[in-house]
Amino acid sequence: HRWHLRGEYAVASENHGRPAYMRISVFPDVKTTGEVWIYYWDDRDGAEWCGWWFGPKVGHDEGWGFNPNRNARTPPRIGWKAPWNGSEDRGM
């Protein structure tokens, strides 16, 4: 699933005290369109949901990727899971 997340992102908003990033351009080999966001979700819904998410919009209940690093102020470079409930995807 991670291939459709590829692109360039820029800060477009904030969520739970951290920047939220929207994909602003898609790499030529990506065949999907639509919004993709990277955003932080705090522990208000439980510790298991706390961390950084890829999804179609901020706070959406459909997460495509997840990183449980709650200490990162910006999206972490390592430790991502795609799908969100899978094992770590080192290629992400």
C-alpha atoms as a PDB file:
ATOM      1  CA  HIS A   1       0.000   0.000   0.000  1.00  0.00           C
ATOM      2  CA  ARG A   2       2.885   2.375   0.535  1.00  0.00           C
ATOM      3  CA  TRP A   3       3.389   3.190  -3.157  1.00  0.00           C
ATOM      4  CA  HIS A   4       0.323   5.426  -3.256  1.00  0.00           C
ATOM      5  CA  LEU A   5       1.740   7.554  -0.421  1.00  0.00           C
ATOM      6  CA  ARG A   6       4.732   8.720  -2.446  1.00  0.00           C
ATOM      7  CA  GLY A   7       5.016  12.392  -3.272  1.00  0.00           C
ATOM      8  CA  GLU A   8       6.066  15.749  -1.934  1.00  0.00           C
ATOM      9  CA  TYR A   9       4.406  17.060   1.228  1.00  0.00           C
ATOM     10  CA  ALA A  10       4.136  20.520   2.774  1.00  0.00           C
ATOM     11  CA  VAL A  11       2.774  21.814   6.074  1.00  0.00           C
ATOM     12  CA  ALA A  12      -0.857  22.708   5.474  1.00  0.00           C
ATOM     13  CA  SER A  13      -2.413  22.711   8.933  1.00  0.00           C
ATOM     14  CA  GLU A  14      -1.857  21.443  12.453  1.00  0.00           C
ATOM     15  CA  ASN A  15      -3.428  18.740  14.554  1.00  0.00           C
ATOM     16  CA  HIS A  16      -3.042  18.010  18.260  1.00  0.00           C
ATOM     17  CA  GLY A  17      -0.229  20.537  18.557  1.00  0.00           C
ATOM     18  CA  ARG A  18       1.915  19.254  15.686  1.00  0.00           C
ATOM     19  CA  PRO A  19       2.147  20.178  12.007  1.00  0.00           C
ATOM     20  CA  ALA A  20      -0.071  18.330   9.521  1.00  0.00           C
ATOM     21  CA  TYR A  21       1.273  17.773   6.013  1.00  0.00           C
ATOM     22  CA  MET A  22      -0.680  17.489   2.782  1.00  0.00           C
ATOM     23  CA  ARG A  23       0.730  15.875  -0.344  1.00  0.00           C
ATOM     24  CA  ILE A  24       1.276  18.683  -2.851  1.00  0.00           C
ATOM     25  CA  SER A  25       2.681  16.691  -5.752  1.00  0.00           C
ATOM     26  CA  VAL A  26       2.711  13.071  -6.860  1.00  0.00           C
ATOM     27  CA  PHE A  27       5.741  11.272  -8.262  1.00  0.00           C
ATOM     28  CA  PRO A  28       5.350  10.336 -11.955  1.00  0.00           C
ATOM     29  CA  ASP A  29       5.121   6.596 -11.244  1.00  0.00           C
ATOM     30  CA  VAL A  30       2.231   7.009  -8.773  1.00  0.00           C
ATOM     31  CA  LYS A  31      -1.065   6.171 -10.451  1.00  0.00           C
ATOM     32  CA  THR A  32      -3.355   7.481  -7.736  1.00  0.00           C
ATOM     33  CA  THR A  33      -4.902  10.849  -7.107  1.00  0.00           C
ATOM     34  CA  GLY A  34      -6.659  12.361  -4.145  1.00  0.00           C
ATOM     35  CA  GLU A  35      -5.518  13.910  -0.945  1.00  0.00           C
ATOM     36  CA  VAL A  36      -2.994  12.237   1.309  1.00  0.00           C
ATOM     37  CA  TRP A  37      -2.149  13.674   4.709  1.00  0.00           C
ATOM     38  CA  ILE A  38       0.482  12.943   7.343  1.00  0.00           C
ATOM     39  CA  TYR A  39      -0.665  14.017  10.780  1.00  0.00           C
ATOM     40  CA  TYR A  40      -0.170  13.377  14.478  1.00  0.00           C
ATOM     41  CA  TRP A  41      -2.906  11.948  16.696  1.00  0.00           C
ATOM     42  CA  ASP A  42      -2.556  12.168  20.475  1.00  0.00           C
ATOM     43  CA  ASP A  43      -3.728   9.621  23.035  1.00  0.00           C
ATOM     44  CA  ARG A  44      -7.270  11.018  23.526  1.00  0.00           C
ATOM     45  CA  ASP A  45      -8.713   7.854  21.915  1.00  0.00           C
ATOM     46  CA  GLY A  46      -6.277   5.490  23.638  1.00  0.00           C
ATOM     47  CA  ALA A  47      -2.523   4.973  23.648  1.00  0.00           C
ATOM     48  CA  GLU A  48      -2.690   2.467  20.759  1.00  0.00           C
ATOM     49  CA  TRP A  49      -3.878   5.253  18.389  1.00  0.00           C
ATOM     50  CA  CYS A  50      -1.218   7.775  19.422  1.00  0.00           C
ATOM     51  CA  GLY A  51       1.420   8.570  16.808  1.00  0.00           C
ATOM     52  CA  TRP A  52       1.805   9.699  13.202  1.00  0.00           C
ATOM     53  CA  TRP A  53      -0.648   8.660  10.500  1.00  0.00           C
ATOM     54  CA  PHE A  54      -1.028   8.651   6.719  1.00  0.00           C
ATOM     55  CA  GLY A  55      -4.659   9.035   5.666  1.00  0.00           C
ATOM     56  CA  PRO A  56      -7.086  10.671   3.232  1.00  0.00           C
ATOM     57  CA  LYS A  57      -7.671  13.559   5.646  1.00  0.00           C
ATOM     58  CA  VAL A  58      -6.691  14.577   9.155  1.00  0.00           C
ATOM     59  CA  GLY A  59      -8.438  12.434  11.749  1.00  0.00           C
ATOM     60  CA  HIS A  60     -10.025  10.098   9.214  1.00  0.00           C
ATOM     61  CA  ASP A  61     -10.806   6.612  10.493  1.00  0.00           C
ATOM     62  CA  GLU A  62      -9.054   5.041   7.494  1.00  0.00           C
ATOM     63  CA  GLY A  63      -5.318   5.076   8.180  1.00  0.00           C
ATOM     64  CA  TRP A  64      -2.965   3.838   5.464  1.00  0.00           C
ATOM     65  CA  GLY A  65       0.252   4.019   7.447  1.00  0.00           C
ATOM     66  CA  PHE A  66       1.166   4.480  11.095  1.00  0.00           C
ATOM     67  CA  ASN A  67       4.204   5.321  13.195  1.00  0.00           C
ATOM     68  CA  PRO A  68       3.832   4.970  16.984  1.00  0.00           C
ATOM     69  CA  ASN A  69       6.599   7.497  17.768  1.00  0.00           C
ATOM     70  CA  ARG A  70       4.747   9.913  20.051  1.00  0.00           C
ATOM     71  CA  ASN A  71       7.871  11.941  20.865  1.00  0.00           C
ATOM     72  CA  ALA A  72       8.615  13.086  17.320  1.00  0.00           C
ATOM     73  CA  ARG A  73       7.659  16.707  16.642  1.00  0.00           C
ATOM     74  CA  THR A  74       7.626  16.007  12.883  1.00  0.00           C
ATOM     75  CA  PRO A  75       6.970  12.773  10.942  1.00  0.00           C
ATOM     76  CA  PRO A  76       9.656  10.198  11.806  1.00  0.00           C
ATOM     77  CA  ARG A  77      11.939   8.869   9.073  1.00  0.00           C
ATOM     78  CA  ILE A  78      11.888   5.268  10.341  1.00  0.00           C
ATOM     79  CA  GLY A  79       9.459   2.966  12.137  1.00  0.00           C
ATOM     80  CA  TRP A  80       6.458   3.188   9.771  1.00  0.00           C
ATOM     81  CA  LYS A  81       3.907   0.418   9.339  1.00  0.00           C
ATOM     82  CA  ALA A  82       1.840  -0.016   6.178  1.00  0.00           C
ATOM     83  CA  PRO A  83      -0.815  -1.162   6.583  1.00  0.00           C
ATOM     84  CA  TRP A  84      -1.155   0.668   9.893  1.00  0.00           C
ATOM     85  CA  ASN A  85      -1.637  -2.552  11.863  1.00  0.00           C
ATOM     86  CA  GLY A  86       1.107  -4.500  10.089  1.00  0.00           C
ATOM     87  CA  SER A  87       4.766  -4.899  10.912  1.00  0.00           C
ATOM     88  CA  GLU A  88       7.389  -2.228  10.337  1.00  0.00           C
ATOM     89  CA  ASP A  89       7.978  -1.461   6.653  1.00  0.00           C
ATOM     90  CA  ARG A  90      11.650  -0.503   6.348  1.00  0.00           C
ATOM     91  CA  GLY A  91      11.115   0.687   2.775  1.00  0.00           C
ATOM     92  CA  MET A  92       8.817   3.458   3.864  1.00  0.00           C
END
